[in-house]
N, C-alpha and C. Protein backbone atom coordinates (compact mmCIF):
# COMPACT_ATOMS: atom_id res chain seq x y z
N UNK A 1 -83.89 40.87 61.85
CA UNK A 1 -84.10 39.78 62.76
C UNK A 1 -83.87 38.47 62.00
N UNK A 2 -83.10 37.59 62.64
CA UNK A 2 -82.82 36.31 62.01
C UNK A 2 -83.27 35.21 62.95
N UNK A 3 -84.09 34.30 62.46
CA UNK A 3 -84.56 33.19 63.26
C UNK A 3 -83.84 31.93 62.82
N UNK A 4 -83.12 31.31 63.75
CA UNK A 4 -82.39 30.09 63.45
C UNK A 4 -83.29 28.88 63.66
N UNK A 5 -84.01 28.87 64.74
CA UNK A 5 -85.08 27.89 64.96
C UNK A 5 -86.12 28.57 65.84
N UNK A 6 -87.16 27.88 66.18
CA UNK A 6 -88.26 28.53 66.90
C UNK A 6 -87.88 29.00 68.29
N UNK A 7 -86.84 28.41 68.91
CA UNK A 7 -86.41 28.82 70.24
C UNK A 7 -85.21 29.75 70.22
N UNK A 8 -84.64 29.98 69.07
CA UNK A 8 -83.40 30.76 68.99
C UNK A 8 -83.53 31.83 67.92
N UNK A 9 -83.74 33.06 68.35
CA UNK A 9 -83.87 34.18 67.44
C UNK A 9 -82.83 35.23 67.80
N UNK A 10 -82.15 35.75 66.80
CA UNK A 10 -81.18 36.81 67.02
C UNK A 10 -81.71 38.08 66.37
N UNK A 11 -81.77 39.13 67.18
CA UNK A 11 -82.17 40.44 66.69
C UNK A 11 -80.99 41.37 66.87
N UNK A 12 -80.53 41.99 65.81
CA UNK A 12 -79.41 42.92 65.88
C UNK A 12 -79.95 44.33 65.67
N UNK A 13 -79.65 45.19 66.60
CA UNK A 13 -80.07 46.58 66.53
C UNK A 13 -78.82 47.42 66.36
N UNK A 14 -78.67 48.05 65.23
CA UNK A 14 -77.48 48.85 64.95
C UNK A 14 -77.69 50.28 65.43
N UNK A 15 -76.57 50.89 65.83
CA UNK A 15 -76.61 52.29 66.24
C UNK A 15 -75.29 52.93 65.84
N UNK A 16 -75.26 54.27 65.85
CA UNK A 16 -73.99 54.91 65.52
C UNK A 16 -73.08 54.89 66.75
N UNK A 17 -71.80 55.17 66.56
CA UNK A 17 -70.83 55.06 67.65
C UNK A 17 -71.05 56.07 68.76
N UNK A 18 -71.70 57.17 68.49
CA UNK A 18 -71.92 58.19 69.51
C UNK A 18 -73.16 57.92 70.36
N UNK A 19 -74.00 57.03 69.92
CA UNK A 19 -75.22 56.71 70.67
C UNK A 19 -75.00 55.44 71.48
N UNK A 20 -76.06 54.74 71.75
CA UNK A 20 -75.95 53.50 72.51
C UNK A 20 -75.28 52.42 71.65
N UNK A 21 -74.58 51.50 72.28
CA UNK A 21 -73.91 50.45 71.52
C UNK A 21 -74.90 49.53 70.80
N UNK A 22 -74.35 48.78 69.87
CA UNK A 22 -75.16 47.80 69.16
C UNK A 22 -75.57 46.73 70.14
N UNK A 23 -76.81 46.29 70.02
CA UNK A 23 -77.28 45.25 70.93
C UNK A 23 -77.76 44.05 70.14
N UNK A 24 -77.68 42.91 70.80
CA UNK A 24 -78.14 41.66 70.20
C UNK A 24 -79.08 41.01 71.21
N UNK A 25 -80.19 40.51 70.72
CA UNK A 25 -81.11 39.78 71.57
C UNK A 25 -81.07 38.33 71.11
N UNK A 26 -80.69 37.44 72.00
CA UNK A 26 -80.68 36.01 71.71
C UNK A 26 -81.71 35.38 72.63
N UNK A 27 -82.77 34.93 72.04
CA UNK A 27 -83.88 34.44 72.85
C UNK A 27 -84.45 35.60 73.62
N UNK A 28 -84.47 35.49 74.94
CA UNK A 28 -84.97 36.57 75.80
C UNK A 28 -83.83 37.34 76.48
N UNK A 29 -82.60 37.07 76.10
CA UNK A 29 -81.45 37.69 76.74
C UNK A 29 -80.88 38.79 75.86
N UNK A 30 -80.69 39.99 76.44
CA UNK A 30 -80.14 41.13 75.71
C UNK A 30 -78.63 41.21 75.96
N UNK A 31 -77.87 41.39 74.90
CA UNK A 31 -76.42 41.56 74.97
C UNK A 31 -76.07 42.89 74.32
N UNK A 32 -74.98 43.49 74.77
CA UNK A 32 -74.52 44.75 74.20
C UNK A 32 -73.12 44.54 73.65
N UNK A 33 -72.89 45.00 72.43
CA UNK A 33 -71.57 44.92 71.82
C UNK A 33 -70.85 46.24 72.04
N UNK A 34 -69.61 46.15 72.54
CA UNK A 34 -68.81 47.36 72.71
C UNK A 34 -67.44 47.12 72.07
N UNK A 35 -66.73 48.20 71.81
CA UNK A 35 -65.40 48.09 71.25
C UNK A 35 -64.48 47.40 72.24
N UNK A 36 -63.52 46.64 71.73
CA UNK A 36 -62.58 45.95 72.60
C UNK A 36 -61.81 46.94 73.47
N UNK A 37 -61.45 48.08 72.92
CA UNK A 37 -60.71 49.09 73.69
C UNK A 37 -61.55 49.60 74.86
N UNK A 38 -62.84 49.77 74.64
CA UNK A 38 -63.74 50.20 75.72
C UNK A 38 -63.87 49.12 76.78
N UNK A 39 -63.95 47.88 76.35
CA UNK A 39 -64.03 46.75 77.28
C UNK A 39 -62.77 46.70 78.15
N UNK A 40 -61.61 46.91 77.55
CA UNK A 40 -60.36 46.89 78.30
C UNK A 40 -60.31 48.05 79.29
N UNK A 41 -60.84 49.21 78.90
CA UNK A 41 -60.90 50.35 79.81
C UNK A 41 -61.78 50.02 81.02
N UNK A 42 -62.90 49.39 80.75
CA UNK A 42 -63.82 49.00 81.83
C UNK A 42 -63.12 48.02 82.77
N UNK A 43 -62.42 47.04 82.21
CA UNK A 43 -61.69 46.07 83.04
C UNK A 43 -60.64 46.77 83.90
N UNK A 44 -59.92 47.72 83.33
CA UNK A 44 -58.89 48.43 84.08
C UNK A 44 -59.51 49.26 85.20
N UNK A 45 -60.63 49.91 84.93
CA UNK A 45 -61.31 50.70 85.95
C UNK A 45 -61.77 49.80 87.10
N UNK A 46 -62.31 48.65 86.76
CA UNK A 46 -62.74 47.70 87.80
C UNK A 46 -61.55 47.25 88.64
N UNK A 47 -60.43 46.94 87.98
CA UNK A 47 -59.23 46.50 88.69
C UNK A 47 -58.73 47.60 89.63
N UNK A 48 -58.66 48.84 89.15
CA UNK A 48 -58.19 49.94 89.97
C UNK A 48 -59.13 50.20 91.15
N UNK A 49 -60.42 50.12 90.91
CA UNK A 49 -61.39 50.32 91.99
C UNK A 49 -61.29 49.21 93.02
N UNK A 50 -61.05 47.98 92.57
CA UNK A 50 -60.90 46.86 93.49
C UNK A 50 -59.65 47.06 94.36
N UNK A 51 -58.55 47.48 93.74
CA UNK A 51 -57.33 47.74 94.49
C UNK A 51 -57.54 48.86 95.50
N UNK A 52 -58.23 49.91 95.10
CA UNK A 52 -58.50 51.03 96.01
C UNK A 52 -59.36 50.56 97.18
N UNK A 53 -60.34 49.73 96.90
CA UNK A 53 -61.19 49.19 97.96
C UNK A 53 -60.39 48.34 98.93
N UNK A 54 -59.50 47.52 98.40
CA UNK A 54 -58.65 46.67 99.24
C UNK A 54 -57.79 47.54 100.15
N UNK A 55 -57.17 48.59 99.59
CA UNK A 55 -56.30 49.45 100.40
C UNK A 55 -57.09 50.25 101.43
N UNK A 56 -58.28 50.70 101.08
CA UNK A 56 -59.11 51.42 102.05
C UNK A 56 -59.53 50.49 103.19
N UNK A 57 -59.88 49.25 102.84
CA UNK A 57 -60.24 48.27 103.87
C UNK A 57 -59.04 47.96 104.75
N UNK A 58 -57.87 47.84 104.14
CA UNK A 58 -56.65 47.59 104.89
C UNK A 58 -56.36 48.75 105.85
N UNK A 59 -56.47 49.97 105.37
CA UNK A 59 -56.26 51.14 106.22
C UNK A 59 -57.20 51.13 107.42
N UNK A 60 -58.46 50.84 107.17
CA UNK A 60 -59.47 50.81 108.23
C UNK A 60 -59.12 49.75 109.28
N UNK A 61 -58.77 48.55 108.83
CA UNK A 61 -58.44 47.48 109.75
C UNK A 61 -57.20 47.81 110.58
N UNK A 62 -56.21 48.41 109.95
CA UNK A 62 -54.99 48.78 110.68
C UNK A 62 -55.31 49.83 111.74
N UNK A 63 -56.07 50.85 111.37
CA UNK A 63 -56.41 51.92 112.31
C UNK A 63 -57.21 51.40 113.50
N UNK A 64 -58.05 50.40 113.27
CA UNK A 64 -58.84 49.84 114.37
C UNK A 64 -57.96 49.14 115.41
N UNK A 65 -56.78 48.72 115.01
CA UNK A 65 -55.87 48.03 115.94
C UNK A 65 -54.89 48.98 116.63
N UNK A 66 -55.01 50.27 116.39
CA UNK A 66 -54.22 51.32 117.03
C UNK A 66 -52.71 51.14 116.83
N UNK A 67 -52.24 51.37 115.61
CA UNK A 67 -50.80 51.22 115.35
C UNK A 67 -50.00 52.37 115.96
N UNK A 68 -48.77 52.08 116.33
CA UNK A 68 -47.86 53.14 116.79
C UNK A 68 -47.45 54.00 115.59
N UNK A 69 -47.12 53.33 114.50
CA UNK A 69 -46.74 54.02 113.27
C UNK A 69 -47.51 53.36 112.12
N UNK A 70 -48.52 54.05 111.64
CA UNK A 70 -49.40 53.50 110.60
C UNK A 70 -48.61 53.06 109.38
N UNK A 71 -47.68 53.89 108.94
CA UNK A 71 -46.93 53.58 107.71
C UNK A 71 -46.14 52.28 107.81
N UNK A 72 -45.53 52.04 108.97
CA UNK A 72 -44.79 50.79 109.16
C UNK A 72 -45.70 49.57 109.03
N UNK A 73 -46.85 49.64 109.69
CA UNK A 73 -47.80 48.52 109.63
C UNK A 73 -48.33 48.36 108.21
N UNK A 74 -48.60 49.47 107.56
CA UNK A 74 -49.15 49.42 106.20
C UNK A 74 -48.16 48.77 105.24
N UNK A 75 -46.89 49.08 105.36
CA UNK A 75 -45.87 48.49 104.48
C UNK A 75 -45.79 46.98 104.70
N UNK A 76 -45.80 46.56 105.94
CA UNK A 76 -45.77 45.11 106.25
C UNK A 76 -47.02 44.44 105.70
N UNK A 77 -48.18 45.06 105.91
CA UNK A 77 -49.44 44.50 105.45
C UNK A 77 -49.49 44.40 103.93
N UNK A 78 -49.00 45.43 103.23
CA UNK A 78 -48.99 45.39 101.76
C UNK A 78 -48.11 44.25 101.25
N UNK A 79 -46.99 44.04 101.90
CA UNK A 79 -46.10 42.93 101.50
C UNK A 79 -46.80 41.59 101.68
N UNK A 80 -47.45 41.42 102.82
CA UNK A 80 -48.19 40.17 103.06
C UNK A 80 -49.35 40.01 102.09
N UNK A 81 -50.04 41.11 101.80
CA UNK A 81 -51.14 41.05 100.83
C UNK A 81 -50.64 40.64 99.45
N UNK A 82 -49.51 41.18 99.04
CA UNK A 82 -48.95 40.81 97.74
C UNK A 82 -48.60 39.33 97.69
N UNK A 83 -48.08 38.79 98.80
CA UNK A 83 -47.77 37.36 98.86
C UNK A 83 -49.04 36.52 98.71
N UNK A 84 -50.10 36.93 99.38
CA UNK A 84 -51.37 36.19 99.29
C UNK A 84 -51.97 36.35 97.90
N UNK A 85 -51.87 37.55 97.36
CA UNK A 85 -52.46 37.82 96.05
C UNK A 85 -51.80 37.00 94.95
N UNK A 86 -50.53 36.67 95.12
CA UNK A 86 -49.84 35.86 94.11
C UNK A 86 -50.38 34.43 94.10
N UNK A 87 -50.97 34.01 95.23
CA UNK A 87 -51.53 32.66 95.33
C UNK A 87 -53.04 32.63 95.13
N UNK A 88 -53.69 33.73 95.46
CA UNK A 88 -55.14 33.79 95.45
C UNK A 88 -55.58 34.93 94.54
N UNK A 89 -56.52 34.67 93.64
CA UNK A 89 -56.91 35.68 92.66
C UNK A 89 -57.58 36.90 93.29
N UNK A 90 -58.58 36.68 94.11
CA UNK A 90 -59.33 37.78 94.71
C UNK A 90 -59.19 37.77 96.23
N UNK A 91 -58.77 38.89 96.78
CA UNK A 91 -58.68 39.03 98.22
C UNK A 91 -60.04 39.39 98.78
N UNK A 92 -60.30 38.94 99.99
CA UNK A 92 -61.56 39.27 100.66
C UNK A 92 -61.25 40.08 101.91
N UNK A 93 -62.28 40.63 102.51
CA UNK A 93 -62.12 41.37 103.76
C UNK A 93 -61.61 40.43 104.85
N UNK A 94 -61.98 39.17 104.77
CA UNK A 94 -61.50 38.17 105.73
C UNK A 94 -59.97 38.06 105.64
N UNK A 95 -59.44 38.05 104.43
CA UNK A 95 -57.99 37.98 104.23
C UNK A 95 -57.31 39.20 104.85
N UNK A 96 -57.90 40.36 104.66
CA UNK A 96 -57.33 41.60 105.18
C UNK A 96 -57.33 41.59 106.71
N UNK A 97 -58.45 41.19 107.30
CA UNK A 97 -58.53 41.13 108.76
C UNK A 97 -57.52 40.14 109.33
N UNK A 98 -57.38 39.00 108.67
CA UNK A 98 -56.43 37.97 109.12
C UNK A 98 -55.00 38.50 109.06
N UNK A 99 -54.66 39.21 108.00
CA UNK A 99 -53.31 39.76 107.86
C UNK A 99 -53.02 40.75 108.99
N UNK A 100 -53.96 41.64 109.26
CA UNK A 100 -53.74 42.64 110.31
C UNK A 100 -53.62 41.97 111.67
N UNK A 101 -54.46 40.98 111.95
CA UNK A 101 -54.38 40.25 113.21
C UNK A 101 -53.04 39.53 113.32
N UNK A 102 -52.59 38.91 112.23
CA UNK A 102 -51.30 38.21 112.23
C UNK A 102 -50.15 39.19 112.49
N UNK A 103 -50.23 40.36 111.90
CA UNK A 103 -49.18 41.37 112.12
C UNK A 103 -49.17 41.77 113.59
N UNK A 104 -50.35 41.96 114.16
CA UNK A 104 -50.43 42.37 115.57
C UNK A 104 -49.87 41.28 116.48
N UNK A 105 -50.09 40.03 116.12
CA UNK A 105 -49.56 38.91 116.93
C UNK A 105 -48.04 38.79 116.76
N UNK A 106 -47.58 38.87 115.51
CA UNK A 106 -46.15 38.66 115.22
C UNK A 106 -45.28 39.89 115.48
N UNK A 107 -45.87 41.07 115.42
CA UNK A 107 -45.12 42.32 115.62
C UNK A 107 -45.88 43.22 116.61
N UNK A 108 -46.04 42.78 117.85
CA UNK A 108 -46.84 43.57 118.80
C UNK A 108 -46.27 44.95 119.08
N UNK A 109 -44.96 45.13 118.87
CA UNK A 109 -44.35 46.43 119.11
C UNK A 109 -44.82 47.49 118.11
N UNK A 110 -45.48 47.08 117.03
CA UNK A 110 -46.00 48.04 116.06
C UNK A 110 -47.34 48.64 116.49
N UNK A 111 -47.91 48.11 117.56
CA UNK A 111 -49.24 48.54 118.00
C UNK A 111 -49.19 49.02 119.45
N UNK A 112 -50.12 49.90 119.78
CA UNK A 112 -50.25 50.40 121.14
C UNK A 112 -50.98 49.35 121.97
N UNK A 113 -50.39 49.02 123.12
CA UNK A 113 -51.04 48.11 124.05
C UNK A 113 -51.87 48.97 124.99
N UNK A 114 -53.16 48.87 124.89
CA UNK A 114 -54.08 49.73 125.65
C UNK A 114 -53.87 49.59 127.15
N UNK A 115 -53.71 48.36 127.64
CA UNK A 115 -53.52 48.15 129.08
C UNK A 115 -52.27 48.86 129.57
N UNK A 116 -51.17 48.70 128.86
CA UNK A 116 -49.93 49.37 129.25
C UNK A 116 -50.06 50.88 129.14
N UNK A 117 -50.78 51.34 128.14
CA UNK A 117 -50.98 52.77 127.94
C UNK A 117 -51.70 53.39 129.14
N UNK A 118 -52.79 52.74 129.58
CA UNK A 118 -53.55 53.28 130.72
C UNK A 118 -52.77 53.14 132.02
N UNK A 119 -51.99 52.08 132.17
CA UNK A 119 -51.14 51.94 133.35
C UNK A 119 -50.14 53.09 133.40
N UNK A 120 -49.55 53.41 132.27
CA UNK A 120 -48.58 54.50 132.19
C UNK A 120 -49.22 55.84 132.53
N UNK A 121 -50.44 56.05 132.07
CA UNK A 121 -51.16 57.29 132.37
C UNK A 121 -51.42 57.38 133.87
N UNK A 122 -51.83 56.27 134.52
CA UNK A 122 -52.10 56.27 135.96
C UNK A 122 -50.84 56.49 136.76
N UNK A 123 -49.70 55.95 136.30
CA UNK A 123 -48.44 56.14 136.99
C UNK A 123 -48.01 57.59 136.91
N UNK A 124 -48.17 58.21 135.73
CA UNK A 124 -47.74 59.59 135.52
C UNK A 124 -48.65 60.58 136.25
N UNK A 125 -49.86 60.19 136.60
CA UNK A 125 -50.82 61.13 137.22
C UNK A 125 -50.54 61.32 138.67
């Protein structure tokens, strides 16, 4: 334990690489030291999980709008998402909903029109 002044004390707890990481206590705050390679792995896992979450949210929003061909809508939506992502660091669910709504407005032929669908069913009956 090393005390720099009365309000600032650093305590270093060493451990072997197979156990818990080395920790440092600065004041009342605990920090953990990890290898840079492990930190990069964690960052990559977070990035991949975020991308997976974005795509799952996108799939859900598209399906709620009843697409004629899911894959066509998904390709258009991914392109628009990539354009937004180049300008904005983190996408939100609001961004995803807006993109799907914009696609439905700009490309209505990609979605089933419920009113027309039921009219067609009544005509055929």
